[in-house]
Amino acid sequence: MTEAVNIEMIEAAAERLAGNARRTPLLSSPFLDEIAGRRVLVKPECLQHTGSFKFRGAWSAVSALPEDRRARGVIAFSTGNHAQGVARAAQRHGIPAVIVMPADAPKLKIANTRAMGAEVVLYDRVAGEDREAIGTKLAQERGLTLIKPYDEPLVIAGQGTIGLEIAEQAAAEGVTGGDVLICCGGGGLTSGIALALEARAPGLRPRTVEPEGFDDTARSLAQGRIARNERTSGSLCDAILTPQPGNITFPIMSRLCGPGLVVTDEEAQRAMAAAFNRLKIVLEPGGAVALAAALFRPEAVSGDAVVVIASGGNVDAGVYRAALERFGETA
């Protein structure tokens, strides 16, 4: 079966993103290397526009729309980071954006999305309201184009541009083999990076990282079929809580990724504190799980060096303060 995304689409997305997205660096710290027992190279997508990698996929999708469709506006559903990415891309294109967000999403993410000019429609995910049904209905009623958060080829292609950068940056550091740890929700980021690495750095192996109790991708990879989470809320790592891997993303991950990794919320908090102390970057819990796996699950990681995606930094002040107060002195 032909996959919905290929390296040519990722390279085209990179051209559209040039001058619009930040090329984030690879950061390192000898203190993190000592904890992990190997070199740790961190790609801080928390420094990307809107504070997460999601801007890449949003810009890729919005910029590729035919002009007449784009002018009518776009709609997205998201816990917050995709919401902000789509809102910013729409704002910079001068078009309307409607964002469907869970009512229990971090207040900062809801406020930021509104501040970028988007109309926010809240829903109750705890009660089981279906965000996809809400988004599809509004799209049909208003003539908006739905930009899905991960199971959308143009979004995946945009996220894949991170893989193109990693291939060049890791090679410049002398790293051509080992694991690339990726914070994983529905798999858009993972599958895009995996395709880019397959084409440009085949010695680097993508690995998914998820929070304990919400490891649908790890279980899916182990079972060879899509598995669902029983719950969609209840972890600090709200940014990467999804019901299951995507229908487009899972076949790509199944073909290209190593076994999935799982960390606890506490380990994510410890990684947030370590990132602050050693790299001076701010991570949200969901954006810190890959670093947590590198630091606290080293026996499950392969290679003399590991590349870590720090995928987002949109964290409420109270959540961040709690992590630093609990682990700041020990990280």
C-alpha atoms as a PDB file:
ATOM      1  CA  MET A   1       0.000   0.000   0.000  1.00  0.00           C
ATOM      2  CA  THR A   2       1.332   3.447  -0.928  1.00  0.00           C
ATOM      3  CA  GLU A   3       1.717   5.696   2.103  1.00  0.00           C
ATOM      4  CA  ALA A   4      -0.100   9.033   2.132  1.00  0.00           C
ATOM      5  CA  VAL A   5       3.097  11.024   2.757  1.00  0.00           C
ATOM      6  CA  ASN A   6       6.519  10.826   1.103  1.00  0.00           C
ATOM      7  CA  ILE A   7       9.870  12.582   1.237  1.00  0.00           C
ATOM      8  CA  GLU A   8       8.974  14.810  -1.705  1.00  0.00           C
ATOM      9  CA  MET A   9       6.007  16.199   0.248  1.00  0.00           C
ATOM     10  CA  ILE A  10       8.241  16.838   3.256  1.00  0.00           C
ATOM     11  CA  GLU A  11      10.792  18.659   1.115  1.00  0.00           C
ATOM     12  CA  ALA A  12       8.004  20.748  -0.439  1.00  0.00           C
ATOM     13  CA  ALA A  13       6.752  21.611   3.039  1.00  0.00           C
ATOM     14  CA  ALA A  14      10.286  22.675   3.970  1.00  0.00           C
ATOM     15  CA  GLU A  15      10.288  25.110   1.041  1.00  0.00           C
ATOM     16  CA  ARG A  16       6.971  26.634   2.172  1.00  0.00           C
ATOM     17  CA  LEU A  17       8.222  26.853   5.753  1.00  0.00           C
ATOM     18  CA  ALA A  18      11.500  28.539   4.796  1.00  0.00           C
ATOM     19  CA  GLY A  19      11.494  32.017   6.317  1.00  0.00           C
ATOM     20  CA  ASN A  20       8.290  31.272   8.219  1.00  0.00           C
ATOM     21  CA  ALA A  21       9.370  28.647  10.780  1.00  0.00           C
ATOM     22  CA  ARG A  22      12.418  28.621  13.013  1.00  0.00           C
ATOM     23  CA  ARG A  23      15.206  26.130  12.414  1.00  0.00           C
ATOM     24  CA  THR A  24      15.701  24.948  15.978  1.00  0.00           C
ATOM     25  CA  PRO A  25      19.197  23.891  17.128  1.00  0.00           C
ATOM     26  CA  LEU A  26      20.493  20.762  18.850  1.00  0.00           C
ATOM     27  CA  LEU A  27      21.328  21.515  22.488  1.00  0.00           C
ATOM     28  CA  SER A  28      23.504  19.507  24.850  1.00  0.00           C
ATOM     29  CA  SER A  29      24.703  19.493  28.443  1.00  0.00           C
ATOM     30  CA  PRO A  30      27.416  17.387  30.096  1.00  0.00           C
ATOM     31  CA  PHE A  31      25.138  17.072  33.126  1.00  0.00           C
ATOM     32  CA  LEU A  32      22.403  15.428  31.028  1.00  0.00           C
ATOM     33  CA  ASP A  33      24.987  13.209  29.341  1.00  0.00           C
ATOM     34  CA  GLU A  34      26.124  12.005  32.770  1.00  0.00           C
ATOM     35  CA  ILE A  35      22.577  11.157  33.869  1.00  0.00           C
ATOM     36  CA  ALA A  36      21.807   9.306  30.639  1.00  0.00           C
ATOM     37  CA  GLY A  37      25.171   7.577  30.304  1.00  0.00           C
ATOM     38  CA  ARG A  38      25.485   8.736  26.692  1.00  0.00           C
ATOM     39  CA  ARG A  39      25.414  11.939  24.645  1.00  0.00           C
ATOM     40  CA  VAL A  40      22.009  13.590  24.695  1.00  0.00           C
ATOM     41  CA  LEU A  41      21.189  15.992  21.854  1.00  0.00           C
ATOM     42  CA  VAL A  42      17.970  17.916  22.461  1.00  0.00           C
ATOM     43  CA  LYS A  43      16.017  19.597  19.647  1.00  0.00           C
ATOM     44  CA  PRO A  44      13.989  22.332  21.404  1.00  0.00           C
ATOM     45  CA  GLU A  45      10.796  22.761  19.407  1.00  0.00           C
ATOM     46  CA  CYS A  46       9.540  24.631  22.467  1.00  0.00           C
ATOM     47  CA  LEU A  47      11.396  27.544  20.820  1.00  0.00           C
ATOM     48  CA  GLN A  48       9.306  27.229  17.658  1.00  0.00           C
ATOM     49  CA  HIS A  49       6.608  29.827  16.870  1.00  0.00           C
ATOM     50  CA  THR A  50       3.626  29.334  19.241  1.00  0.00           C
ATOM     51  CA  GLY A  51       5.851  27.289  21.556  1.00  0.00           C
ATOM     52  CA  SER A  52       5.673  23.896  19.846  1.00  0.00           C
ATOM     53  CA  PHE A  53       6.409  21.921  16.674  1.00  0.00           C
ATOM     54  CA  LYS A  54       2.733  22.164  15.733  1.00  0.00           C
ATOM     55  CA  PHE A  55       3.304  25.443  13.916  1.00  0.00           C
ATOM     56  CA  ARG A  56       5.226  23.557  11.228  1.00  0.00           C
ATOM     57  CA  GLY A  57       2.345  21.259  10.331  1.00  0.00           C
ATOM     58  CA  ALA A  58      -0.218  24.035  10.563  1.00  0.00           C
ATOM     59  CA  TRP A  59       1.725  26.327   8.241  1.00  0.00           C
ATOM     60  CA  SER A  60       2.388  23.460   5.838  1.00  0.00           C
ATOM     61  CA  ALA A  61      -1.332  22.661   5.569  1.00  0.00           C
ATOM     62  CA  VAL A  62      -2.699  26.215   5.470  1.00  0.00           C
ATOM     63  CA  SER A  63      -0.107  27.478   2.978  1.00  0.00           C
ATOM     64  CA  ALA A  64      -0.826  24.574   0.600  1.00  0.00           C
ATOM     65  CA  LEU A  65      -4.575  25.253   0.361  1.00  0.00           C
ATOM     66  CA  PRO A  66      -5.928  26.682  -2.900  1.00  0.00           C
ATOM     67  CA  GLU A  67      -6.445  30.399  -2.454  1.00  0.00           C
ATOM     68  CA  ASP A  68     -10.250  30.294  -2.725  1.00  0.00           C
ATOM     69  CA  ARG A  69     -10.567  27.578  -0.061  1.00  0.00           C
ATOM     70  CA  ARG A  70      -8.041  29.242   2.211  1.00  0.00           C
ATOM     71  CA  ALA A  71      -9.933  32.540   2.071  1.00  0.00           C
ATOM     72  CA  ARG A  72     -13.064  30.898   3.515  1.00  0.00           C
ATOM     73  CA  GLY A  73     -11.123  29.964   6.629  1.00  0.00           C
ATOM     74  CA  VAL A  74      -9.971  26.883   8.515  1.00  0.00           C
ATOM     75  CA  ILE A  75     -11.069  24.864  11.525  1.00  0.00           C
ATOM     76  CA  ALA A  76      -9.078  22.590  13.832  1.00  0.00           C
ATOM     77  CA  PHE A  77      -9.602  20.523  16.979  1.00  0.00           C
ATOM     78  CA  SER A  78      -6.838  20.399  19.545  1.00  0.00           C
ATOM     79  CA  THR A  79      -5.863  20.310  23.218  1.00  0.00           C
ATOM     80  CA  GLY A  80      -3.888  23.470  22.565  1.00  0.00           C
ATOM     81  CA  ASN A  81      -0.641  23.274  20.632  1.00  0.00           C
ATOM     82  CA  HIS A  82      -2.183  22.442  17.247  1.00  0.00           C
ATOM     83  CA  ALA A  83      -4.829  25.045  18.066  1.00  0.00           C
ATOM     84  CA  GLN A  84      -2.202  27.742  18.500  1.00  0.00           C
ATOM     85  CA  GLY A  85      -0.288  26.621  15.417  1.00  0.00           C
ATOM     86  CA  VAL A  86      -3.377  26.802  13.190  1.00  0.00           C
ATOM     87  CA  ALA A  87      -4.492  30.089  14.764  1.00  0.00           C
ATOM     88  CA  ARG A  88      -1.074  31.665  14.101  1.00  0.00           C
ATOM     89  CA  ALA A  89      -0.869  30.328  10.547  1.00  0.00           C
ATOM     90  CA  ALA A  90      -4.385  31.596   9.822  1.00  0.00           C
ATOM     91  CA  GLN A  91      -3.641  34.976  11.385  1.00  0.00           C
ATOM     92  CA  ARG A  92      -0.518  35.418   9.265  1.00  0.00           C
ATOM     93  CA  HIS A  93      -2.481  34.462   6.148  1.00  0.00           C
ATOM     94  CA  GLY A  94      -5.275  36.884   7.104  1.00  0.00           C
ATOM     95  CA  ILE A  95      -8.037  34.257   7.173  1.00  0.00           C
ATOM     96  CA  PRO A  96     -10.642  33.154   9.779  1.00  0.00           C
ATOM     97  CA  ALA A  97      -9.920  30.256  12.144  1.00  0.00           C
ATOM     98  CA  VAL A  98     -12.258  28.282  14.420  1.00  0.00           C
ATOM     99  CA  ILE A  99     -10.642  26.020  17.022  1.00  0.00           C
ATOM    100  CA  VAL A 100     -12.464  23.244  18.938  1.00  0.00           C
ATOM    101  CA  MET A 101     -10.732  22.734  22.308  1.00  0.00           C
ATOM    102  CA  PRO A 102     -11.479  20.674  25.440  1.00  0.00           C
ATOM    103  CA  ALA A 103     -12.829  22.770  28.285  1.00  0.00           C
ATOM    104  CA  ASP A 104     -10.157  21.314  30.596  1.00  0.00           C
ATOM    105  CA  ALA A 105      -7.233  22.298  28.351  1.00  0.00           C
ATOM    106  CA  PRO A 106      -4.597  24.491  30.039  1.00  0.00           C
ATOM    107  CA  LYS A 107      -5.952  28.021  30.412  1.00  0.00           C
ATOM    108  CA  LEU A 108      -2.792  29.449  28.836  1.00  0.00           C
ATOM    109  CA  LYS A 109      -3.386  27.512  25.629  1.00  0.00           C
ATOM    110  CA  ILE A 110      -7.023  28.611  25.391  1.00  0.00           C
ATOM    111  CA  ALA A 111      -6.085  32.240  26.066  1.00  0.00           C
ATOM    112  CA  ASN A 112      -3.231  32.221  23.558  1.00  0.00           C
ATOM    113  CA  THR A 113      -5.439  30.723  20.869  1.00  0.00           C
ATOM    114  CA  ARG A 114      -8.029  33.453  21.342  1.00  0.00           C
ATOM    115  CA  ALA A 115      -5.311  36.112  21.456  1.00  0.00           C
ATOM    116  CA  MET A 116      -4.253  35.086  17.954  1.00  0.00           C
ATOM    117  CA  GLY A 117      -7.696  35.927  16.628  1.00  0.00           C
ATOM    118  CA  ALA A 118      -9.263  32.479  16.528  1.00  0.00           C
ATOM    119  CA  GLU A 119     -12.807  31.674  17.610  1.00  0.00           C
ATOM    120  CA  VAL A 120     -12.585  28.992  20.336  1.00  0.00           C
ATOM    121  CA  VAL A 121     -15.379  26.421  20.732  1.00  0.00           C
ATOM    122  CA  LEU A 122     -15.064  24.417  23.963  1.00  0.00           C
ATOM    123  CA  TYR A 123     -16.277  20.826  24.451  1.00  0.00           C
ATOM    124  CA  ASP A 124     -16.399  18.352  27.358  1.00  0.00           C
ATOM    125  CA  ARG A 125     -14.044  15.475  26.575  1.00  0.00           C
ATOM    126  CA  VAL A 126     -14.466  13.976  30.055  1.00  0.00           C
ATOM    127  CA  ALA A 127     -18.181  13.504  29.328  1.00  0.00           C
ATOM    128  CA  GLY A 128     -17.316  11.898  26.002  1.00  0.00           C
ATOM    129  CA  GLU A 129     -18.170  14.671  23.543  1.00  0.00           C
ATOM    130  CA  ASP A 130     -16.632  13.909  20.143  1.00  0.00           C
ATOM    131  CA  ARG A 131     -14.331  16.704  18.960  1.00  0.00           C
ATOM    132  CA  GLU A 132     -14.132  15.281  15.440  1.00  0.00           C
ATOM    133  CA  ALA A 133     -17.917  15.287  15.114  1.00  0.00           C
ATOM    134  CA  ILE A 134     -18.075  18.871  16.387  1.00  0.00           C
ATOM    135  CA  GLY A 135     -15.322  19.992  14.016  1.00  0.00           C
ATOM    136  CA  THR A 136     -16.820  18.231  11.007  1.00  0.00           C
ATOM    137  CA  LYS A 137     -20.258  19.748  11.653  1.00  0.00           C
ATOM    138  CA  LEU A 138     -18.904  23.292  11.955  1.00  0.00           C
ATOM    139  CA  ALA A 139     -16.742  22.846   8.861  1.00  0.00           C
ATOM    140  CA  GLN A 140     -19.750  21.803   6.799  1.00  0.00           C
ATOM    141  CA  GLU A 141     -21.968  24.571   8.139  1.00  0.00           C
ATOM    142  CA  ARG A 142     -19.454  27.375   7.540  1.00  0.00           C
ATOM    143  CA  GLY A 143     -17.507  26.128   4.533  1.00  0.00           C
ATOM    144  CA  LEU A 144     -14.283  25.863   6.533  1.00  0.00           C
ATOM    145  CA  THR A 145     -11.401  23.540   5.727  1.00  0.00           C
ATOM    146  CA  LEU A 146     -10.657  21.092   8.531  1.00  0.00           C
ATOM    147  CA  ILE A 147      -6.965  20.893   9.459  1.00  0.00           C
ATOM    148  CA  LYS A 148      -6.606  17.668  11.459  1.00  0.00           C
ATOM    149  CA  PRO A 149      -3.951  17.604  14.198  1.00  0.00           C
ATOM    150  CA  TYR A 150      -2.045  14.521  13.051  1.00  0.00           C
ATOM    151  CA  ASP A 151      -3.891  12.293  10.577  1.00  0.00           C
ATOM    152  CA  GLU A 152      -3.463  14.732   7.681  1.00  0.00           C
ATOM    153  CA  PRO A 153      -0.746  14.321   5.019  1.00  0.00           C
ATOM    154  CA  LEU A 154       0.155  18.019   4.752  1.00  0.00           C
ATOM    155  CA  VAL A 155       0.420  18.323   8.537  1.00  0.00           C
ATOM    156  CA  ILE A 156       2.614  15.215   8.718  1.00  0.00           C
ATOM    157  CA  ALA A 157       4.806  16.641   5.953  1.00  0.00           C
ATOM    158  CA  GLY A 158       5.290  19.844   7.928  1.00  0.00           C
ATOM    159  CA  GLN A 159       6.287  17.949  11.057  1.00  0.00           C
ATOM    160  CA  GLY A 160       8.662  15.882   8.924  1.00  0.00           C
ATOM    161  CA  THR A 161      10.791  18.965   8.307  1.00  0.00           C
ATOM    162  CA  ILE A 162      12.144  18.409  11.828  1.00  0.00           C
ATOM    163  CA  GLY A 163      13.558  15.120  10.583  1.00  0.00           C
ATOM    164  CA  LEU A 164      15.312  16.852   7.693  1.00  0.00           C
ATOM    165  CA  GLU A 165      16.968  19.223  10.165  1.00  0.00           C
ATOM    166  CA  ILE A 166      17.941  16.397  12.517  1.00  0.00           C
ATOM    167  CA  ALA A 167      19.593  14.477   9.677  1.00  0.00           C
ATOM    168  CA  GLU A 168      21.865  17.446   8.916  1.00  0.00           C
ATOM    169  CA  GLN A 169      22.467  18.523  12.500  1.00  0.00           C
ATOM    170  CA  ALA A 170      23.189  15.056  13.890  1.00  0.00           C
ATOM    171  CA  ALA A 171      25.631  14.358  11.065  1.00  0.00           C
ATOM    172  CA  ALA A 172      27.414  17.619  11.880  1.00  0.00           C
ATOM    173  CA  GLU A 173      27.764  16.312  15.465  1.00  0.00           C
ATOM    174  CA  GLY A 174      29.185  13.033  14.173  1.00  0.00           C
ATOM    175  CA  VAL A 175      26.023  11.108  15.068  1.00  0.00           C
ATOM    176  CA  THR A 176      24.811   8.820  12.297  1.00  0.00           C
ATOM    177  CA  GLY A 177      23.289   5.975  14.344  1.00  0.00           C
ATOM    178  CA  GLY A 178      21.147   5.535  17.444  1.00  0.00           C
ATOM    179  CA  ASP A 179      17.650   6.344  18.648  1.00  0.00           C
ATOM    180  CA  VAL A 180      15.592   9.479  18.108  1.00  0.00           C
ATOM    181  CA  LEU A 181      13.064   9.809  20.929  1.00  0.00           C
ATOM    182  CA  ILE A 182       9.821  11.549  20.001  1.00  0.00           C
ATOM    183  CA  CYS A 183       6.941  12.699  22.208  1.00  0.00           C
ATOM    184  CA  CYS A 184       3.961  10.919  20.650  1.00  0.00           C
ATOM    185  CA  GLY A 185       0.218  11.537  20.639  1.00  0.00           C
ATOM    186  CA  GLY A 186      -1.534  10.609  17.409  1.00  0.00           C
ATOM    187  CA  GLY A 187       1.741  10.104  15.559  1.00  0.00           C
ATOM    188  CA  GLY A 188       1.928  13.045  13.155  1.00  0.00           C
ATOM    189  CA  LEU A 189       5.282  14.219  14.482  1.00  0.00           C
ATOM    190  CA  THR A 190       6.676  10.697  14.741  1.00  0.00           C
ATOM    191  CA  SER A 191       5.598   9.542  11.302  1.00  0.00           C
ATOM    192  CA  GLY A 192       6.852  12.713   9.604  1.00  0.00           C
ATOM    193  CA  ILE A 193      10.248  12.481  11.296  1.00  0.00           C
ATOM    194  CA  ALA A 194      10.422   8.754  10.575  1.00  0.00           C
ATOM    195  CA  LEU A 195       9.917   9.288   6.837  1.00  0.00           C
ATOM    196  CA  ALA A 196      12.504  12.058   6.732  1.00  0.00           C
ATOM    197  CA  LEU A 197      15.071   9.964   8.612  1.00  0.00           C
ATOM    198  CA  GLU A 198      14.436   6.967   6.382  1.00  0.00           C
ATOM    199  CA  ALA A 199      15.410   9.089   3.381  1.00  0.00           C
ATOM    200  CA  ARG A 200      18.170  11.246   4.883  1.00  0.00           C
ATOM    201  CA  ALA A 201      19.572   9.431   7.960  1.00  0.00           C
ATOM    202  CA  PRO A 202      18.624   5.743   7.887  1.00  0.00           C
ATOM    203  CA  GLY A 203      20.974   4.930  10.771  1.00  0.00           C
ATOM    204  CA  LEU A 204      18.786   6.930  13.168  1.00  0.00           C
ATOM    205  CA  ARG A 205      15.831   4.973  14.549  1.00  0.00           C
ATOM    206  CA  PRO A 206      12.635   6.811  15.612  1.00  0.00           C
ATOM    207  CA  ARG A 207      11.118   5.745  18.956  1.00  0.00           C
ATOM    208  CA  THR A 208       7.801   6.921  20.375  1.00  0.00           C
ATOM    209  CA  VAL A 209       7.503   8.055  24.007  1.00  0.00           C
ATOM    210  CA  GLU A 210       4.167   8.314  25.836  1.00  0.00           C
ATOM    211  CA  PRO A 211       2.876   8.818  29.386  1.00  0.00           C
ATOM    212  CA  GLU A 212       2.011   5.814  31.511  1.00  0.00           C
ATOM    213  CA  GLY A 213      -1.645   4.812  31.152  1.00  0.00           C
ATOM    214  CA  PHE A 214      -1.907   6.473  27.728  1.00  0.00           C
ATOM    215  CA  ASP A 215       0.505   4.272  25.752  1.00  0.00           C
ATOM    216  CA  ASP A 216      -1.791   3.452  22.833  1.00  0.00           C
ATOM    217  CA  THR A 217       1.028   3.782  20.294  1.00  0.00           C
ATOM    218  CA  ALA A 218       3.453   1.568  22.225  1.00  0.00           C
ATOM    219  CA  ARG A 219       0.763  -1.101  22.567  1.00  0.00           C
ATOM    220  CA  SER A 220      -0.233  -0.724  18.925  1.00  0.00           C
ATOM    221  CA  LEU A 221       3.349  -1.190  17.770  1.00  0.00           C
ATOM    222  CA  ALA A 222       3.737  -4.264  19.984  1.00  0.00           C
ATOM    223  CA  GLN A 223       0.459  -5.827  18.824  1.00  0.00           C
ATOM    224  CA  GLY A 224       0.752  -4.888  15.152  1.00  0.00           C
ATOM    225  CA  ARG A 225      -2.695  -3.283  15.134  1.00  0.00           C
ATOM    226  CA  ILE A 226      -4.254  -0.065  16.401  1.00  0.00           C
ATOM    227  CA  ALA A 227      -5.074  -0.147  20.116  1.00  0.00           C
ATOM    228  CA  ARG A 228      -7.130   2.463  21.973  1.00  0.00           C
ATOM    229  CA  ASN A 229      -6.702   4.154  25.314  1.00  0.00           C
ATOM    230  CA  GLU A 230      -9.465   3.533  27.815  1.00  0.00           C
ATOM    231  CA  ARG A 231      -9.242   7.170  28.959  1.00  0.00           C
ATOM    232  CA  THR A 232      -8.514  10.451  27.160  1.00  0.00           C
ATOM    233  CA  SER A 233      -7.722  12.548  30.228  1.00  0.00           C
ATOM    234  CA  GLY A 234      -6.054  12.137  33.600  1.00  0.00           C
ATOM    235  CA  SER A 235      -2.369  12.785  32.886  1.00  0.00           C
ATOM    236  CA  LEU A 236      -0.278  15.936  33.223  1.00  0.00           C
ATOM    237  CA  CYS A 237       0.825  15.282  29.635  1.00  0.00           C
ATOM    238  CA  ASP A 238      -2.338  16.756  28.099  1.00  0.00           C
ATOM    239  CA  ALA A 239      -0.600  17.753  24.859  1.00  0.00           C
ATOM    240  CA  ILE A 240      -0.114  14.125  23.772  1.00  0.00           C
ATOM    241  CA  LEU A 241      -3.280  12.428  25.030  1.00  0.00           C
ATOM    242  CA  THR A 242      -5.132  10.961  22.051  1.00  0.00           C
ATOM    243  CA  PRO A 243      -7.571   8.036  21.817  1.00  0.00           C
ATOM    244  CA  GLN A 244      -5.403   6.027  19.429  1.00  0.00           C
ATOM    245  CA  PRO A 245      -2.803   6.349  16.664  1.00  0.00           C
ATOM    246  CA  GLY A 246      -4.007   7.736  13.350  1.00  0.00           C
ATOM    247  CA  ASN A 247      -5.044   5.593  10.420  1.00  0.00           C
ATOM    248  CA  ILE A 248      -2.447   7.367   8.270  1.00  0.00           C
ATOM    249  CA  THR A 249       0.274   7.618  10.909  1.00  0.00           C
ATOM    250  CA  PHE A 250       0.178   4.097  12.343  1.00  0.00           C
ATOM    251  CA  PRO A 251       1.254   2.197   9.206  1.00  0.00           C
ATOM    252  CA  ILE A 252       4.238   4.541   8.853  1.00  0.00           C
ATOM    253  CA  MET A 253       5.215   4.132  12.496  1.00  0.00           C
ATOM    254  CA  SER A 254       4.692   0.383  12.346  1.00  0.00           C
ATOM    255  CA  ARG A 255       7.088   0.115   9.410  1.00  0.00           C
ATOM    256  CA  LEU A 256       9.794   2.491  10.625  1.00  0.00           C
ATOM    257  CA  CYS A 257       9.755   2.828  14.434  1.00  0.00           C
ATOM    258  CA  GLY A 258      11.378   0.760  17.130  1.00  0.00           C
ATOM    259  CA  PRO A 259       9.453  -0.342  20.239  1.00  0.00           C
ATOM    260  CA  GLY A 260       7.584   2.413  22.046  1.00  0.00           C
ATOM    261  CA  LEU A 261       8.723   3.775  25.401  1.00  0.00           C
ATOM    262  CA  VAL A 262       6.561   4.793  28.364  1.00  0.00           C
ATOM    263  CA  VAL A 263       7.360   7.169  31.246  1.00  0.00           C
ATOM    264  CA  THR A 264       5.489   8.343  34.325  1.00  0.00           C
ATOM    265  CA  ASP A 265       4.134  11.834  34.946  1.00  0.00           C
ATOM    266  CA  GLU A 266       6.697  12.147  37.729  1.00  0.00           C
ATOM    267  CA  GLU A 267       9.531  11.364  35.310  1.00  0.00           C
ATOM    268  CA  ALA A 268       8.151  13.983  32.921  1.00  0.00           C
ATOM    269  CA  GLN A 269       8.232  16.526  35.761  1.00  0.00           C
ATOM    270  CA  ARG A 270      11.819  15.569  36.593  1.00  0.00           C
ATOM    271  CA  ALA A 271      12.740  16.063  32.925  1.00  0.00           C
ATOM    272  CA  MET A 272      11.072  19.505  32.947  1.00  0.00           C
ATOM    273  CA  ALA A 273      13.260  20.494  35.899  1.00  0.00           C
ATOM    274  CA  ALA A 274      16.377  19.067  34.244  1.00  0.00           C
ATOM    275  CA  ALA A 275      15.650  20.983  31.032  1.00  0.00           C
ATOM    276  CA  PHE A 276      15.327  24.203  33.012  1.00  0.00           C
ATOM    277  CA  ASN A 277      18.428  23.649  35.123  1.00  0.00           C
ATOM    278  CA  ARG A 278      20.749  22.318  32.424  1.00  0.00           C
ATOM    279  CA  LEU A 279      19.476  23.784  29.137  1.00  0.00           C
ATOM    280  CA  LYS A 280      17.501  26.818  30.336  1.00  0.00           C
ATOM    281  CA  ILE A 281      14.458  25.863  28.283  1.00  0.00           C
ATOM    282  CA  VAL A 282      10.819  25.571  29.384  1.00  0.00           C
ATOM    283  CA  LEU A 283       8.985  22.317  28.636  1.00  0.00           C
ATOM    284  CA  GLU A 284       5.401  21.269  29.269  1.00  0.00           C
ATOM    285  CA  PRO A 285       4.893  17.739  30.635  1.00  0.00           C
ATOM    286  CA  GLY A 286       3.904  16.245  27.266  1.00  0.00           C
ATOM    287  CA  GLY A 287       6.856  17.972  25.631  1.00  0.00           C
ATOM    288  CA  ALA A 288       9.264  16.497  28.183  1.00  0.00           C
ATOM    289  CA  VAL A 289       8.470  12.769  27.957  1.00  0.00           C
ATOM    290  CA  ALA A 290      11.131  12.053  25.328  1.00  0.00           C
ATOM    291  CA  LEU A 291      13.799  13.682  27.486  1.00  0.00           C
ATOM    292  CA  ALA A 292      12.466  11.721  30.461  1.00  0.00           C
ATOM    293  CA  ALA A 293      12.961   8.457  28.572  1.00  0.00           C
ATOM    294  CA  ALA A 294      16.519   9.413  27.605  1.00  0.00           C
ATOM    295  CA  LEU A 295      17.423  10.308  31.198  1.00  0.00           C
ATOM    296  CA  PHE A 296      15.504   7.775  33.258  1.00  0.00           C
ATOM    297  CA  ARG A 297      15.045   4.762  30.962  1.00  0.00           C
ATOM    298  CA  PRO A 298      18.581   4.557  29.498  1.00  0.00           C
ATOM    299  CA  GLU A 299      18.579   0.757  29.417  1.00  0.00           C
ATOM    300  CA  ALA A 300      15.800   0.862  26.793  1.00  0.00           C
ATOM    301  CA  VAL A 301      17.700   3.234  24.476  1.00  0.00           C
ATOM    302  CA  SER A 302      20.270   2.232  21.852  1.00  0.00           C
ATOM    303  CA  GLY A 303      23.418   3.997  20.644  1.00  0.00           C
ATOM    304  CA  ASP A 304      26.274   6.062  22.027  1.00  0.00           C
ATOM    305  CA  ALA A 305      24.164   9.170  21.491  1.00  0.00           C
ATOM    306  CA  VAL A 306      20.438   9.838  21.590  1.00  0.00           C
ATOM    307  CA  VAL A 307      18.482  12.619  19.886  1.00  0.00           C
ATOM    308  CA  VAL A 308      15.515  13.944  21.863  1.00  0.00           C
ATOM    309  CA  ILE A 309      12.617  16.028  20.578  1.00  0.00           C
ATOM    310  CA  ALA A 310      11.527  18.578  23.205  1.00  0.00           C
ATOM    311  CA  SER A 311       8.225  19.100  21.474  1.00  0.00           C
ATOM    312  CA  GLY A 312       6.518  21.949  23.355  1.00  0.00           C
ATOM    313  CA  GLY A 313       6.718  24.481  26.155  1.00  0.00           C
ATOM    314  CA  ASN A 314       3.149  25.734  26.599  1.00  0.00           C
ATOM    315  CA  VAL A 315       2.719  25.005  30.286  1.00  0.00           C
ATOM    316  CA  ASP A 316       0.540  26.730  32.868  1.00  0.00           C
ATOM    317  CA  ALA A 317       2.563  28.547  35.519  1.00  0.00           C
ATOM    318  CA  GLY A 318       1.184  26.434  38.366  1.00  0.00           C
ATOM    319  CA  VAL A 319       2.102  23.142  36.683  1.00  0.00           C
ATOM    320  CA  TYR A 320       5.597  24.401  35.904  1.00  0.00           C
ATOM    321  CA  ARG A 321       6.123  25.806  39.377  1.00  0.00           C
ATOM    322  CA  ALA A 322       5.100  22.470  40.908  1.00  0.00           C
ATOM    323  CA  ALA A 323       7.665  20.594  38.814  1.00  0.00           C
ATOM    324  CA  LEU A 324      10.489  22.970  39.744  1.00  0.00           C
ATOM    325  CA  GLU A 325       9.562  23.031  43.422  1.00  0.00           C
ATOM    326  CA  ARG A 326       9.459  19.241  43.552  1.00  0.00           C
ATOM    327  CA  PHE A 327      12.516  18.390  41.476  1.00  0.00           C
ATOM    328  CA  GLY A 328      14.414  21.612  40.799  1.00  0.00           C
ATOM    329  CA  GLU A 329      17.165  20.965  43.308  1.00  0.00           C
ATOM    330  CA  THR A 330      17.771  17.369  42.229  1.00  0.00           C
ATOM    331  CA  ALA A 331      17.578  17.656  38.425  1.00  0.00           C
END
